[in-house]
C-alpha cells in the first residue's frame, strides 16, 4: 500500500515538472510560482 502511494506521488511530481519545463513564457512561470507559493502557505 505504501509503495503504491509513493509511486503515485512520484508520478504526479514528474508530470508537474514536465509541464513546467515546457513553459517558455516568463509571465506564466511567475504566475505559477506565486500561485504555488500562496497555495502551499495556505494548504501545504
PDB file of N, CA and C in Angstrom:
ATOM      1  N   UNK A   1       0.826  -1.198   0.000  1.00  0.00           N
ATOM      2  CA  UNK A   1       0.000   0.000   0.000  1.00  0.00           C
ATOM      3  C   UNK A   1       0.868   1.258   0.000  1.00  0.00           C
ATOM      4  N   UNK A   2       1.865   1.305   0.852  1.00  0.00           N
ATOM      5  CA  UNK A   2       2.729   2.482   0.951  1.00  0.00           C
ATOM      6  C   UNK A   2       3.508   2.708  -0.345  1.00  0.00           C
ATOM      7  N   UNK A   3       3.956   1.612  -0.973  1.00  0.00           N
ATOM      8  CA  UNK A   3       4.686   1.751  -2.240  1.00  0.00           C
ATOM      9  C   UNK A   3       3.785   2.336  -3.320  1.00  0.00           C
ATOM     10  N   UNK A   4       2.524   1.952  -3.304  1.00  0.00           N
ATOM     11  CA  UNK A   4       1.571   2.486  -4.278  1.00  0.00           C
ATOM     12  C   UNK A   4       1.418   3.990  -4.111  1.00  0.00           C
ATOM     13  N   UNK A   5       1.298   4.448  -2.876  1.00  0.00           N
ATOM     14  CA  UNK A   5       1.163   5.882  -2.611  1.00  0.00           C
ATOM     15  C   UNK A   5       2.420   6.615  -3.057  1.00  0.00           C
ATOM     16  N   UNK A   6       3.582   6.067  -2.765  1.00  0.00           N
ATOM     17  CA  UNK A   6       4.847   6.692  -3.176  1.00  0.00           C
ATOM     18  C   UNK A   6       4.962   6.739  -4.694  1.00  0.00           C
ATOM     19  N   UNK A   7       4.584   5.653  -5.373  1.00  0.00           N
ATOM     20  CA  UNK A   7       4.633   5.617  -6.837  1.00  0.00           C
ATOM     21  C   UNK A   7       3.708   6.666  -7.432  1.00  0.00           C
ATOM     22  N   UNK A   8       2.509   6.771  -6.862  1.00  0.00           N
ATOM     23  CA  UNK A   8       1.537   7.746  -7.366  1.00  0.00           C
ATOM     24  C   UNK A   8       2.048   9.163  -7.138  1.00  0.00           C
ATOM     25  N   UNK A   9       2.598   9.429  -5.969  1.00  0.00           N
ATOM     26  CA  UNK A   9       3.142  10.751  -5.651  1.00  0.00           C
ATOM     27  C   UNK A   9       4.271  11.097  -6.618  1.00  0.00           C
ATOM     28  N   UNK A  10       5.181  10.154  -6.841  1.00  0.00           N
ATOM     29  CA  UNK A  10       6.298  10.384  -7.766  1.00  0.00           C
ATOM     30  C   UNK A  10       5.805  10.618  -9.189  1.00  0.00           C
ATOM     31  N   UNK A  11       4.775   9.879  -9.595  1.00  0.00           N
ATOM     32  CA  UNK A  11       4.203  10.038 -10.926  1.00  0.00           C
ATOM     33  C   UNK A  11       3.709  11.469 -11.131  1.00  0.00           C
ATOM     34  N   UNK A  12       2.939  11.981 -10.173  1.00  0.00           N
ATOM     35  CA  UNK A  12       2.387  13.323 -10.304  1.00  0.00           C
ATOM     36  C   UNK A  12       3.461  14.393 -10.228  1.00  0.00           C
ATOM     37  N   UNK A  13       4.448  14.208  -9.368  1.00  0.00           N
ATOM     38  CA  UNK A  13       5.554  15.166  -9.310  1.00  0.00           C
ATOM     39  C   UNK A  13       6.265  15.238 -10.655  1.00  0.00           C
ATOM     40  N   UNK A  14       6.516  14.084 -11.251  1.00  0.00           N
ATOM     41  CA  UNK A  14       7.191  14.034 -12.551  1.00  0.00           C
ATOM     42  C   UNK A  14       6.369  14.738 -13.628  1.00  0.00           C
ATOM     43  N   UNK A  15       5.069  14.502 -13.642  1.00  0.00           N
ATOM     44  CA  UNK A  15       4.200  15.119 -14.651  1.00  0.00           C
ATOM     45  C   UNK A  15       4.158  16.639 -14.479  1.00  0.00           C
ATOM     46  N   UNK A  16       4.116  17.112 -13.229  1.00  0.00           N
ATOM     47  CA  UNK A  16       4.108  18.555 -12.977  1.00  0.00           C
ATOM     48  C   UNK A  16       5.402  19.187 -13.475  1.00  0.00           C
ATOM     49  N   UNK A  17       6.530  18.565 -13.177  1.00  0.00           N
ATOM     50  CA  UNK A  17       7.827  19.084 -13.630  1.00  0.00           C
ATOM     51  C   UNK A  17       7.883  19.110 -15.152  1.00  0.00           C
ATOM     52  N   UNK A  18       7.407  18.056 -15.806  1.00  0.00           N
ATOM     53  CA  UNK A  18       7.403  18.010 -17.274  1.00  0.00           C
ATOM     54  C   UNK A  18       6.581  19.160 -17.854  1.00  0.00           C
ATOM     55  N   UNK A  19       5.421  19.428 -17.268  1.00  0.00           N
ATOM     56  CA  UNK A  19       4.575  20.519 -17.772  1.00  0.00           C
ATOM     57  C   UNK A  19       5.275  21.865 -17.603  1.00  0.00           C
ATOM     58  N   UNK A  20       5.862  22.081 -16.442  1.00  0.00           N
ATOM     59  CA  UNK A  20       6.517  23.361 -16.165  1.00  0.00           C
ATOM     60  C   UNK A  20       7.734  23.559 -17.063  1.00  0.00           C
ATOM     61  N   UNK A  21       8.483  22.506 -17.320  1.00  0.00           N
ATOM     62  CA  UNK A  21       9.677  22.619 -18.163  1.00  0.00           C
ATOM     63  C   UNK A  21       9.345  23.057 -19.581  1.00  0.00           C
ATOM     64  N   UNK A  22       8.126  22.798 -20.040  1.00  0.00           N
ATOM     65  CA  UNK A  22       7.736  23.173 -21.404  1.00  0.00           C
ATOM     66  C   UNK A  22       7.287  24.626 -21.516  1.00  0.00           C
ATOM     67  N   UNK A  23       7.065  25.292 -20.401  1.00  0.00           N
ATOM     68  CA  UNK A  23       6.580  26.675 -20.418  1.00  0.00           C
ATOM     69  C   UNK A  23       7.743  27.612 -20.756  1.00  0.00           C
ATOM     70  N   UNK A  24       7.540  28.447 -21.753  1.00  0.00           N
ATOM     71  CA  UNK A  24       8.567  29.386 -22.206  1.00  0.00           C
ATOM     72  C   UNK A  24       8.293  30.816 -21.730  1.00  0.00           C
ATOM     73  N   UNK A  25       7.051  31.130 -21.492  1.00  0.00           N
ATOM     74  CA  UNK A  25       6.641  32.490 -21.152  1.00  0.00           C
ATOM     75  C   UNK A  25       6.987  32.798 -19.688  1.00  0.00           C
ATOM     76  N   UNK A  26       7.865  33.795 -19.455  1.00  0.00           N
ATOM     77  CA  UNK A  26       8.253  34.118 -18.079  1.00  0.00           C
ATOM     78  C   UNK A  26       7.077  34.610 -17.228  1.00  0.00           C
ATOM     79  N   UNK A  27       6.101  35.244 -17.842  1.00  0.00           N
ATOM     80  CA  UNK A  27       4.928  35.706 -17.100  1.00  0.00           C
ATOM     81  C   UNK A  27       4.121  34.545 -16.533  1.00  0.00           C
ATOM     82  N   UNK A  28       3.984  33.513 -17.326  1.00  0.00           N
ATOM     83  CA  UNK A  28       3.263  32.320 -16.862  1.00  0.00           C
ATOM     84  C   UNK A  28       4.035  31.655 -15.730  1.00  0.00           C
ATOM     85  N   UNK A  29       5.345  31.585 -15.864  1.00  0.00           N
ATOM     86  CA  UNK A  29       6.165  30.990 -14.809  1.00  0.00           C
ATOM     87  C   UNK A  29       6.063  31.791 -13.513  1.00  0.00           C
ATOM     88  N   UNK A  30       6.065  33.111 -13.636  1.00  0.00           N
ATOM     89  CA  UNK A  30       5.915  33.962 -12.458  1.00  0.00           C
ATOM     90  C   UNK A  30       4.556  33.731 -11.802  1.00  0.00           C
ATOM     91  N   UNK A  31       3.502  33.660 -12.608  1.00  0.00           N
ATOM     92  CA  UNK A  31       2.166  33.413 -12.094  1.00  0.00           C
ATOM     93  C   UNK A  31       2.099  32.074 -11.361  1.00  0.00           C
ATOM     94  N   UNK A  32       2.630  31.031 -11.991  1.00  0.00           N
ATOM     95  CA  UNK A  32       2.613  29.708 -11.363  1.00  0.00           C
ATOM     96  C   UNK A  32       3.401  29.691 -10.062  1.00  0.00           C
ATOM     97  N   UNK A  33       4.537  30.352 -10.059  1.00  0.00           N
ATOM     98  CA  UNK A  33       5.354  30.427  -8.850  1.00  0.00           C
ATOM     99  C   UNK A  33       4.563  31.073  -7.711  1.00  0.00           C
ATOM    100  N   UNK A  34       3.931  32.196  -8.002  1.00  0.00           N
ATOM    101  CA  UNK A  34       3.142  32.900  -6.995  1.00  0.00           C
ATOM    102  C   UNK A  34       1.969  32.042  -6.523  1.00  0.00           C
ATOM    103  N   UNK A  35       1.275  31.422  -7.474  1.00  0.00           N
ATOM    104  CA  UNK A  35       0.136  30.579  -7.136  1.00  0.00           C
ATOM    105  C   UNK A  35       0.557  29.430  -6.218  1.00  0.00           C
ATOM    106  N   UNK A  36       1.620  28.736  -6.596  1.00  0.00           N
ATOM    107  CA  UNK A  36       2.087  27.590  -5.804  1.00  0.00           C
ATOM    108  C   UNK A  36       2.538  28.046  -4.418  1.00  0.00           C
ATOM    109  N   UNK A  37       3.237  29.168  -4.366  1.00  0.00           N
ATOM    110  CA  UNK A  37       3.718  29.687  -3.085  1.00  0.00           C
ATOM    111  C   UNK A  37       2.547  29.982  -2.140  1.00  0.00           C
ATOM    112  N   UNK A  38       1.538  30.682  -2.640  1.00  0.00           N
ATOM    113  CA  UNK A  38       0.379  31.028  -1.814  1.00  0.00           C
ATOM    114  C   UNK A  38      -0.402  29.771  -1.450  1.00  0.00           C
ATOM    115  N   UNK A  39      -0.575  28.873  -2.407  1.00  0.00           N
ATOM    116  CA  UNK A  39      -1.293  27.632  -2.152  1.00  0.00           C
ATOM    117  C   UNK A  39      -0.634  26.835  -1.034  1.00  0.00           C
ATOM    118  N   UNK A  40       0.671  26.709  -1.094  1.00  0.00           N
ATOM    119  CA  UNK A  40       1.383  25.934  -0.067  1.00  0.00           C
ATOM    120  C   UNK A  40       1.369  26.629   1.293  1.00  0.00           C
ATOM    121  N   UNK A  41       1.406  27.963   1.289  1.00  0.00           N
ATOM    122  CA  UNK A  41       1.307  28.681   2.556  1.00  0.00           C
ATOM    123  C   UNK A  41      -0.033  28.411   3.234  1.00  0.00           C
ATOM    124  N   UNK A  42      -1.088  28.342   2.430  1.00  0.00           N
ATOM    125  CA  UNK A  42      -2.420  28.151   2.983  1.00  0.00           C
ATOM    126  C   UNK A  42      -2.751  26.671   3.240  1.00  0.00           C
ATOM    127  N   UNK A  43      -2.377  25.791   2.318  1.00  0.00           N
ATOM    128  CA  UNK A  43      -2.795  24.394   2.386  1.00  0.00           C
ATOM    129  C   UNK A  43      -1.672  23.406   2.635  1.00  0.00           C
ATOM    130  N   UNK A  44      -0.419  23.852   2.462  1.00  0.00           N
ATOM    131  CA  UNK A  44       0.715  22.952   2.438  1.00  0.00           C
ATOM    132  C   UNK A  44       1.207  22.422   3.714  1.00  0.00           C
TER     133      UNK A  44
END
